[in-house]
Structures are given as C-alpha cells and as structure tokens.
Amino acid sequence: APVAVALGLSSVVGTVVITPGGAGAYEAAMAAYFIATG
C-alpha cells in the first residue's frame, strides 16, 4: 500500500521538476512518504 501511493506521488513530482529524470526530487518525495507512513 505505501509503495503504491509513494510511486504515484513521486512520479508526479519527478515529471514537473526540471532535473533529468526528476533526479533528487523523485527520491526525496518517495522517501519522505515512506517515512511518514512509519
């Protein structure tokens, strides 16, 4: 369950940021969500 939501969130973040492949923002969004879920 948390993996599914984290993927959706990070994919959107990675699409809108200017770095290639969303590098940096994608990882930050995903890790932050995982940590928030415990």
All heavy atoms as atom14 arrays in JSON, in Angstrom:
{
  "sequence": "APVAVALGLSSVVGTVVITPGGAGAYEAAMAAYFIATG",
  "atom14_mask": [
    [1, 1, 1, 1, 1, 0, 0, 0, 0, 0, 0, 0, 0, 0],
    [1, 1, 1, 1, 1, 1, 1, 0, 0, 0, 0, 0, 0, 0],
    [1, 1, 1, 1, 1, 1, 1, 0, 0, 0, 0, 0, 0, 0],
    [1, 1, 1, 1, 1, 0, 0, 0, 0, 0, 0, 0, 0, 0],
    [1, 1, 1, 1, 1, 1, 1, 0, 0, 0, 0, 0, 0, 0],
    [1, 1, 1, 1, 1, 0, 0, 0, 0, 0, 0, 0, 0, 0],
    [1, 1, 1, 1, 1, 1, 1, 1, 0, 0, 0, 0, 0, 0],
    [1, 1, 1, 1, 0, 0, 0, 0, 0, 0, 0, 0, 0, 0],
    [1, 1, 1, 1, 1, 1, 1, 1, 0, 0, 0, 0, 0, 0],
    [1, 1, 1, 1, 1, 1, 0, 0, 0, 0, 0, 0, 0, 0],
    [1, 1, 1, 1, 1, 1, 0, 0, 0, 0, 0, 0, 0, 0],
    [1, 1, 1, 1, 1, 1, 1, 0, 0, 0, 0, 0, 0, 0],
    [1, 1, 1, 1, 1, 1, 1, 0, 0, 0, 0, 0, 0, 0],
    [1, 1, 1, 1, 0, 0, 0, 0, 0, 0, 0, 0, 0, 0],
    [1, 1, 1, 1, 1, 1, 1, 0, 0, 0, 0, 0, 0, 0],
    [1, 1, 1, 1, 1, 1, 1, 0, 0, 0, 0, 0, 0, 0],
    [1, 1, 1, 1, 1, 1, 1, 0, 0, 0, 0, 0, 0, 0],
    [1, 1, 1, 1, 1, 1, 1, 1, 0, 0, 0, 0, 0, 0],
    [1, 1, 1, 1, 1, 1, 1, 0, 0, 0, 0, 0, 0, 0],
    [1, 1, 1, 1, 1, 1, 1, 0, 0, 0, 0, 0, 0, 0],
    [1, 1, 1, 1, 0, 0, 0, 0, 0, 0, 0, 0, 0, 0],
    [1, 1, 1, 1, 0, 0, 0, 0, 0, 0, 0, 0, 0, 0],
    [1, 1, 1, 1, 1, 0, 0, 0, 0, 0, 0, 0, 0, 0],
    [1, 1, 1, 1, 0, 0, 0, 0, 0, 0, 0, 0, 0, 0],
    [1, 1, 1, 1, 1, 0, 0, 0, 0, 0, 0, 0, 0, 0],
    [1, 1, 1, 1, 1, 1, 1, 1, 1, 1, 1, 1, 0, 0],
    [1, 1, 1, 1, 1, 1, 1, 1, 1, 0, 0, 0, 0, 0],
    [1, 1, 1, 1, 1, 0, 0, 0, 0, 0, 0, 0, 0, 0],
    [1, 1, 1, 1, 1, 0, 0, 0, 0, 0, 0, 0, 0, 0],
    [1, 1, 1, 1, 1, 1, 1, 1, 0, 0, 0, 0, 0, 0],
    [1, 1, 1, 1, 1, 0, 0, 0, 0, 0, 0, 0, 0, 0],
    [1, 1, 1, 1, 1, 0, 0, 0, 0, 0, 0, 0, 0, 0],
    [1, 1, 1, 1, 1, 1, 1, 1, 1, 1, 1, 1, 0, 0],
    [1, 1, 1, 1, 1, 1, 1, 1, 1, 1, 1, 0, 0, 0],
    [1, 1, 1, 1, 1, 1, 1, 1, 0, 0, 0, 0, 0, 0],
    [1, 1, 1, 1, 1, 0, 0, 0, 0, 0, 0, 0, 0, 0],
    [1, 1, 1, 1, 1, 1, 1, 0, 0, 0, 0, 0, 0, 0],
    [1, 1, 1, 1, 0, 0, 0, 0, 0, 0, 0, 0, 0, 0]
  ],
  "atom14_positions": [
    [[0.8, -1.22, 0.0], [0.0, 0.0, 0.0], [0.84, 1.28, 0.0], [0.64, 2.15, -0.85], [-0.99, -0.01, 1.17], [0.0, 0.0, 0.0], [0.0, 0.0, 0.0], [0.0, 0.0, 0.0], [0.0, 0.0, 0.0], [0.0, 0.0, 0.0], [0.0, 0.0, 0.0], [0.0, 0.0, 0.0], [0.0, 0.0, 0.0], [0.0, 0.0, 0.0]],
    [[1.78, 1.47, 0.93], [2.58, 2.7, 0.88], [3.44, 2.81, -0.37], [3.7, 3.91, -0.85], [3.44, 2.61, 2.16], [3.41, 1.18, 2.56], [2.09, 0.65, 2.12], [0.0, 0.0, 0.0], [0.0, 0.0, 0.0], [0.0, 0.0, 0.0], [0.0, 0.0, 0.0], [0.0, 0.0, 0.0], [0.0, 0.0, 0.0], [0.0, 0.0, 0.0]],
    [[3.87, 1.66, -0.9], [4.67, 1.68, -2.13], [3.83, 2.23, -3.28], [4.3, 3.04, -4.08], [5.18, 0.26, -2.47], [5.94, 0.28, -3.8], [6.08, -0.27, -1.37], [0.0, 0.0, 0.0], [0.0, 0.0, 0.0], [0.0, 0.0, 0.0], [0.0, 0.0, 0.0], [0.0, 0.0, 0.0], [0.0, 0.0, 0.0], [0.0, 0.0, 0.0]],
    [[2.57, 1.81, -3.37], [1.68, 2.25, -4.45], [1.49, 3.76, -4.42], [1.59, 4.44, -5.45], [0.33, 1.54, -4.34], [0.0, 0.0, 0.0], [0.0, 0.0, 0.0], [0.0, 0.0, 0.0], [0.0, 0.0, 0.0], [0.0, 0.0, 0.0], [0.0, 0.0, 0.0], [0.0, 0.0, 0.0], [0.0, 0.0, 0.0], [0.0, 0.0, 0.0]],
    [[1.22, 4.31, -3.24], [0.97, 5.75, -3.13], [2.26, 6.54, -3.35], [2.27, 7.57, -4.03], [0.36, 6.11, -1.76], [0.09, 7.61, -1.67], [-0.94, 5.34, -1.54], [0.0, 0.0, 0.0], [0.0, 0.0, 0.0], [0.0, 0.0, 0.0], [0.0, 0.0, 0.0], [0.0, 0.0, 0.0], [0.0, 0.0, 0.0], [0.0, 0.0, 0.0]],
    [[3.36, 6.05, -2.79], [4.64, 6.73, -2.95], [5.04, 6.83, -4.42], [5.58, 7.85, -4.86], [5.73, 6.0, -2.16], [0.0, 0.0, 0.0], [0.0, 0.0, 0.0], [0.0, 0.0, 0.0], [0.0, 0.0, 0.0], [0.0, 0.0, 0.0], [0.0, 0.0, 0.0], [0.0, 0.0, 0.0], [0.0, 0.0, 0.0], [0.0, 0.0, 0.0]],
    [[4.76, 5.79, -5.19], [5.08, 5.8, -6.62], [4.27, 6.86, -7.36], [4.8, 7.59, -8.2], [4.81, 4.42, -7.23], [5.96, 3.42, -7.14], [5.48, 2.02, -7.53], [7.1, 3.86, -8.05], [0.0, 0.0, 0.0], [0.0, 0.0, 0.0], [0.0, 0.0, 0.0], [0.0, 0.0, 0.0], [0.0, 0.0, 0.0], [0.0, 0.0, 0.0]],
    [[2.97, 6.92, -7.07], [2.13, 7.93, -7.72], [2.59, 9.33, -7.4], [2.71, 10.19, -8.28], [0.0, 0.0, 0.0], [0.0, 0.0, 0.0], [0.0, 0.0, 0.0], [0.0, 0.0, 0.0], [0.0, 0.0, 0.0], [0.0, 0.0, 0.0], [0.0, 0.0, 0.0], [0.0, 0.0, 0.0], [0.0, 0.0, 0.0], [0.0, 0.0, 0.0]],
    [[2.88, 9.59, -6.13], [3.32, 10.91, -5.69], [4.65, 11.29, -6.32], [4.8, 12.38, -6.9], [3.45, 10.93, -4.16], [4.07, 12.17, -3.53], [3.2, 13.39, -3.8], [4.27, 11.97, -2.03], [0.0, 0.0, 0.0], [0.0, 0.0, 0.0], [0.0, 0.0, 0.0], [0.0, 0.0, 0.0], [0.0, 0.0, 0.0], [0.0, 0.0, 0.0]],
    [[5.63, 10.41, -6.25], [6.96, 10.73, -6.76], [6.97, 10.85, -8.28], [7.75, 11.63, -8.84], [7.97, 9.67, -6.31], [7.54, 8.38, -6.68], [0.0, 0.0, 0.0], [0.0, 0.0, 0.0], [0.0, 0.0, 0.0], [0.0, 0.0, 0.0], [0.0, 0.0, 0.0], [0.0, 0.0, 0.0], [0.0, 0.0, 0.0], [0.0, 0.0, 0.0]],
    [[6.12, 10.1, -8.98], [6.05, 10.2, -10.44], [5.58, 11.58, -10.88], [6.11, 12.16, -11.82], [5.11, 9.13, -11.0], [5.63, 7.84, -10.76], [0.0, 0.0, 0.0], [0.0, 0.0, 0.0], [0.0, 0.0, 0.0], [0.0, 0.0, 0.0], [0.0, 0.0, 0.0], [0.0, 0.0, 0.0], [0.0, 0.0, 0.0], [0.0, 0.0, 0.0]],
    [[4.59, 12.12, -10.17], [4.11, 13.46, -10.49], [5.18, 14.5, -10.19], [5.46, 15.39, -11.0], [2.82, 13.78, -9.7], [2.42, 15.24, -9.88], [1.68, 12.87, -10.15], [0.0, 0.0, 0.0], [0.0, 0.0, 0.0], [0.0, 0.0, 0.0], [0.0, 0.0, 0.0], [0.0, 0.0, 0.0], [0.0, 0.0, 0.0], [0.0, 0.0, 0.0]],
    [[5.82, 14.38, -9.03], [6.88, 15.31, -8.66], [8.04, 15.23, -9.65], [8.57, 16.24, -10.11], [7.39, 15.0, -7.23], [8.63, 15.84, -6.91], [6.29, 15.29, -6.22], [0.0, 0.0, 0.0], [0.0, 0.0, 0.0], [0.0, 0.0, 0.0], [0.0, 0.0, 0.0], [0.0, 0.0, 0.0], [0.0, 0.0, 0.0], [0.0, 0.0, 0.0]],
    [[8.43, 14.01, -10.03], [9.53, 13.83, -10.96], [9.24, 14.36, -12.35], [10.16, 14.72, -13.09], [0.0, 0.0, 0.0], [0.0, 0.0, 0.0], [0.0, 0.0, 0.0], [0.0, 0.0, 0.0], [0.0, 0.0, 0.0], [0.0, 0.0, 0.0], [0.0, 0.0, 0.0], [0.0, 0.0, 0.0], [0.0, 0.0, 0.0], [0.0, 0.0, 0.0]],
    [[7.96, 14.43, -12.71], [7.59, 14.93, -14.03], [7.69, 16.45, -14.13], [8.09, 16.99, -15.16], [6.14, 14.5, -14.38], [6.07, 13.08, -14.4], [5.72, 15.03, -15.75], [0.0, 0.0, 0.0], [0.0, 0.0, 0.0], [0.0, 0.0, 0.0], [0.0, 0.0, 0.0], [0.0, 0.0, 0.0], [0.0, 0.0, 0.0], [0.0, 0.0, 0.0]],
    [[7.36, 17.15, -13.05], [7.28, 18.6, -13.11], [8.59, 19.31, -12.79], [8.76, 20.47, -13.14], [6.17, 19.14, -12.18], [4.82, 18.59, -12.58], [6.45, 18.78, -10.72], [0.0, 0.0, 0.0], [0.0, 0.0, 0.0], [0.0, 0.0, 0.0], [0.0, 0.0, 0.0], [0.0, 0.0, 0.0], [0.0, 0.0, 0.0], [0.0, 0.0, 0.0]],
    [[9.53, 18.63, -12.13], [10.8, 19.3, -11.82], [11.69, 19.32, -13.05], [11.5, 18.55, -13.99], [11.54, 18.6, -10.65], [10.72, 18.66, -9.39], [11.88, 17.16, -11.0], [0.0, 0.0, 0.0], [0.0, 0.0, 0.0], [0.0, 0.0, 0.0], [0.0, 0.0, 0.0], [0.0, 0.0, 0.0], [0.0, 0.0, 0.0], [0.0, 0.0, 0.0]],
    [[12.69, 20.21, -13.05], [13.49, 20.44, -14.25], [14.69, 19.51, -14.39], [15.32, 19.47, -15.43], [13.99, 21.9, -14.31], [14.9, 22.2, -13.1], [12.82, 22.86, -14.37], [15.57, 23.55, -13.18], [0.0, 0.0, 0.0], [0.0, 0.0, 0.0], [0.0, 0.0, 0.0], [0.0, 0.0, 0.0], [0.0, 0.0, 0.0], [0.0, 0.0, 0.0]],
    [[15.04, 18.76, -13.34], [16.2, 17.89, -13.44], [15.88, 16.67, -14.31], [14.74, 16.2, -14.31], [16.65, 17.41, -12.05], [15.56, 16.76, -11.41], [17.13, 18.56, -11.21], [0.0, 0.0, 0.0], [0.0, 0.0, 0.0], [0.0, 0.0, 0.0], [0.0, 0.0, 0.0], [0.0, 0.0, 0.0], [0.0, 0.0, 0.0], [0.0, 0.0, 0.0]],
    [[16.87, 16.14, -15.04], [16.63, 14.96, -15.88], [16.15, 13.78, -15.05], [16.75, 13.44, -14.03], [18.01, 14.69, -16.49], [18.72, 15.99, -16.43], [18.23, 16.66, -15.19], [0.0, 0.0, 0.0], [0.0, 0.0, 0.0], [0.0, 0.0, 0.0], [0.0, 0.0, 0.0], [0.0, 0.0, 0.0], [0.0, 0.0, 0.0], [0.0, 0.0, 0.0]],
    [[15.04, 13.17, -15.5], [14.51, 12.02, -14.78], [13.96, 12.34, -13.41], [13.66, 11.45, -12.63], [0.0, 0.0, 0.0], [0.0, 0.0, 0.0], [0.0, 0.0, 0.0], [0.0, 0.0, 0.0], [0.0, 0.0, 0.0], [0.0, 0.0, 0.0], [0.0, 0.0, 0.0], [0.0, 0.0, 0.0], [0.0, 0.0, 0.0], [0.0, 0.0, 0.0]],
    [[13.83, 13.65, -13.11], [13.34, 14.05, -11.79], [14.32, 13.76, -10.68], [13.94, 13.68, -9.51], [0.0, 0.0, 0.0], [0.0, 0.0, 0.0], [0.0, 0.0, 0.0], [0.0, 0.0, 0.0], [0.0, 0.0, 0.0], [0.0, 0.0, 0.0], [0.0, 0.0, 0.0], [0.0, 0.0, 0.0], [0.0, 0.0, 0.0], [0.0, 0.0, 0.0]],
    [[15.62, 13.62, -11.06], [16.65, 13.26, -10.08], [16.64, 14.22, -8.9], [16.62, 15.42, -9.06], [18.02, 13.26, -10.75], [0.0, 0.0, 0.0], [0.0, 0.0, 0.0], [0.0, 0.0, 0.0], [0.0, 0.0, 0.0], [0.0, 0.0, 0.0], [0.0, 0.0, 0.0], [0.0, 0.0, 0.0], [0.0, 0.0, 0.0], [0.0, 0.0, 0.0]],
    [[16.66, 13.66, -7.71], [16.65, 14.47, -6.49], [15.25, 14.61, -5.93], [14.98, 14.16, -4.81], [0.0, 0.0, 0.0], [0.0, 0.0, 0.0], [0.0, 0.0, 0.0], [0.0, 0.0, 0.0], [0.0, 0.0, 0.0], [0.0, 0.0, 0.0], [0.0, 0.0, 0.0], [0.0, 0.0, 0.0], [0.0, 0.0, 0.0], [0.0, 0.0, 0.0]],
    [[14.36, 15.23, -6.69], [13.0, 15.47, -6.21], [12.22, 14.15, -6.09], [11.47, 13.95, -5.13], [12.27, 16.43, -7.15], [0.0, 0.0, 0.0], [0.0, 0.0, 0.0], [0.0, 0.0, 0.0], [0.0, 0.0, 0.0], [0.0, 0.0, 0.0], [0.0, 0.0, 0.0], [0.0, 0.0, 0.0], [0.0, 0.0, 0.0], [0.0, 0.0, 0.0]],
    [[12.39, 13.27, -7.08], [11.69, 11.98, -7.07], [12.04, 11.19, -5.81], [11.16, 10.72, -5.08], [12.09, 11.19, -8.31], [11.33, 9.89, -8.51], [10.33, 9.8, -9.49], [11.62, 8.75, -7.77], [9.65, 8.6, -9.69], [10.95, 7.56, -7.96], [9.96, 7.49, -8.93], [9.28, 6.31, -9.11], [0.0, 0.0, 0.0], [0.0, 0.0, 0.0]],
    [[13.34, 11.07, -5.54], [13.79, 10.3, -4.38], [13.34, 10.94, -3.08], [12.92, 10.23, -2.14], [15.32, 10.19, -4.4], [15.88, 9.38, -5.55], [16.02, 10.19, -6.83], [15.78, 11.42, -6.79], [16.35, 9.6, -7.88], [0.0, 0.0, 0.0], [0.0, 0.0, 0.0], [0.0, 0.0, 0.0], [0.0, 0.0, 0.0], [0.0, 0.0, 0.0]],
    [[13.41, 12.27, -3.01], [13.01, 12.97, -1.79], [11.53, 12.76, -1.49], [11.16, 12.49, -0.33], [13.32, 14.47, -1.92], [0.0, 0.0, 0.0], [0.0, 0.0, 0.0], [0.0, 0.0, 0.0], [0.0, 0.0, 0.0], [0.0, 0.0, 0.0], [0.0, 0.0, 0.0], [0.0, 0.0, 0.0], [0.0, 0.0, 0.0], [0.0, 0.0, 0.0]],
    [[10.69, 12.89, -2.52], [9.25, 12.72, -2.33], [8.92, 11.29, -1.89], [8.11, 11.08, -0.96], [8.5, 13.06, -3.61], [0.0, 0.0, 0.0], [0.0, 0.0, 0.0], [0.0, 0.0, 0.0], [0.0, 0.0, 0.0], [0.0, 0.0, 0.0], [0.0, 0.0, 0.0], [0.0, 0.0, 0.0], [0.0, 0.0, 0.0], [0.0, 0.0, 0.0]],
    [[9.55, 10.32, -2.54], [9.25, 8.93, -2.21], [9.71, 8.58, -0.8], [8.94, 7.99, -0.01], [9.93, 8.01, -3.23], [9.76, 6.53, -2.91], [10.16, 5.48, -4.31], [8.67, 5.64, -5.3], [0.0, 0.0, 0.0], [0.0, 0.0, 0.0], [0.0, 0.0, 0.0], [0.0, 0.0, 0.0], [0.0, 0.0, 0.0], [0.0, 0.0, 0.0]],
    [[10.95, 8.91, -0.48], [11.47, 8.58, 0.85], [10.68, 9.29, 1.94], [10.39, 8.69, 3.0], [12.95, 8.96, 0.93], [0.0, 0.0, 0.0], [0.0, 0.0, 0.0], [0.0, 0.0, 0.0], [0.0, 0.0, 0.0], [0.0, 0.0, 0.0], [0.0, 0.0, 0.0], [0.0, 0.0, 0.0], [0.0, 0.0, 0.0], [0.0, 0.0, 0.0]],
    [[10.3, 10.55, 1.7], [9.53, 11.3, 2.69], [8.18, 10.63, 2.96], [7.73, 10.55, 4.12], [9.32, 12.74, 2.21], [0.0, 0.0, 0.0], [0.0, 0.0, 0.0], [0.0, 0.0, 0.0], [0.0, 0.0, 0.0], [0.0, 0.0, 0.0], [0.0, 0.0, 0.0], [0.0, 0.0, 0.0], [0.0, 0.0, 0.0], [0.0, 0.0, 0.0]],
    [[7.53, 10.14, 1.9], [6.23, 9.49, 2.09], [6.4, 8.18, 2.86], [5.61, 7.87, 3.76], [5.56, 9.22, 0.75], [4.17, 8.63, 0.92], [3.07, 9.44, 1.14], [3.99, 7.25, 0.93], [1.81, 8.89, 1.34], [2.74, 6.69, 1.13], [1.65, 7.52, 1.33], [0.41, 6.97, 1.55], [0.0, 0.0, 0.0], [0.0, 0.0, 0.0]],
    [[7.42, 7.4, 2.49], [7.67, 6.15, 3.21], [7.86, 6.41, 4.7], [7.3, 5.71, 5.55], [8.92, 5.46, 2.66], [8.7, 4.75, 1.35], [9.7, 4.71, 0.39], [7.51, 4.11, 1.08], [9.51, 4.05, -0.81], [7.3, 3.44, -0.12], [8.31, 3.43, -1.07], [0.0, 0.0, 0.0], [0.0, 0.0, 0.0], [0.0, 0.0, 0.0]],
    [[8.66, 7.42, 5.02], [8.94, 7.75, 6.42], [7.67, 8.2, 7.13], [7.42, 7.84, 8.29], [10.04, 8.83, 6.51], [11.37, 8.27, 5.99], [10.19, 9.34, 7.93], [12.44, 9.32, 5.79], [0.0, 0.0, 0.0], [0.0, 0.0, 0.0], [0.0, 0.0, 0.0], [0.0, 0.0, 0.0], [0.0, 0.0, 0.0], [0.0, 0.0, 0.0]],
    [[6.84, 8.99, 6.43], [5.59, 9.48, 7.03], [4.64, 8.35, 7.36], [3.83, 8.45, 8.28], [4.92, 10.48, 6.08], [0.0, 0.0, 0.0], [0.0, 0.0, 0.0], [0.0, 0.0, 0.0], [0.0, 0.0, 0.0], [0.0, 0.0, 0.0], [0.0, 0.0, 0.0], [0.0, 0.0, 0.0], [0.0, 0.0, 0.0], [0.0, 0.0, 0.0]],
    [[4.71, 7.24, 6.61], [3.82, 6.1, 6.88], [4.35, 5.2, 7.99], [3.7, 4.22, 8.36], [3.63, 5.25, 5.61], [4.9, 4.75, 5.16], [2.96, 6.05, 4.5], [0.0, 0.0, 0.0], [0.0, 0.0, 0.0], [0.0, 0.0, 0.0], [0.0, 0.0, 0.0], [0.0, 0.0, 0.0], [0.0, 0.0, 0.0], [0.0, 0.0, 0.0]],
    [[5.54, 5.53, 8.51], [6.07, 4.78, 9.64], [7.2, 3.84, 9.32], [7.68, 3.11, 10.2], [0.0, 0.0, 0.0], [0.0, 0.0, 0.0], [0.0, 0.0, 0.0], [0.0, 0.0, 0.0], [0.0, 0.0, 0.0], [0.0, 0.0, 0.0], [0.0, 0.0, 0.0], [0.0, 0.0, 0.0], [0.0, 0.0, 0.0], [0.0, 0.0, 0.0]]
  ]
}
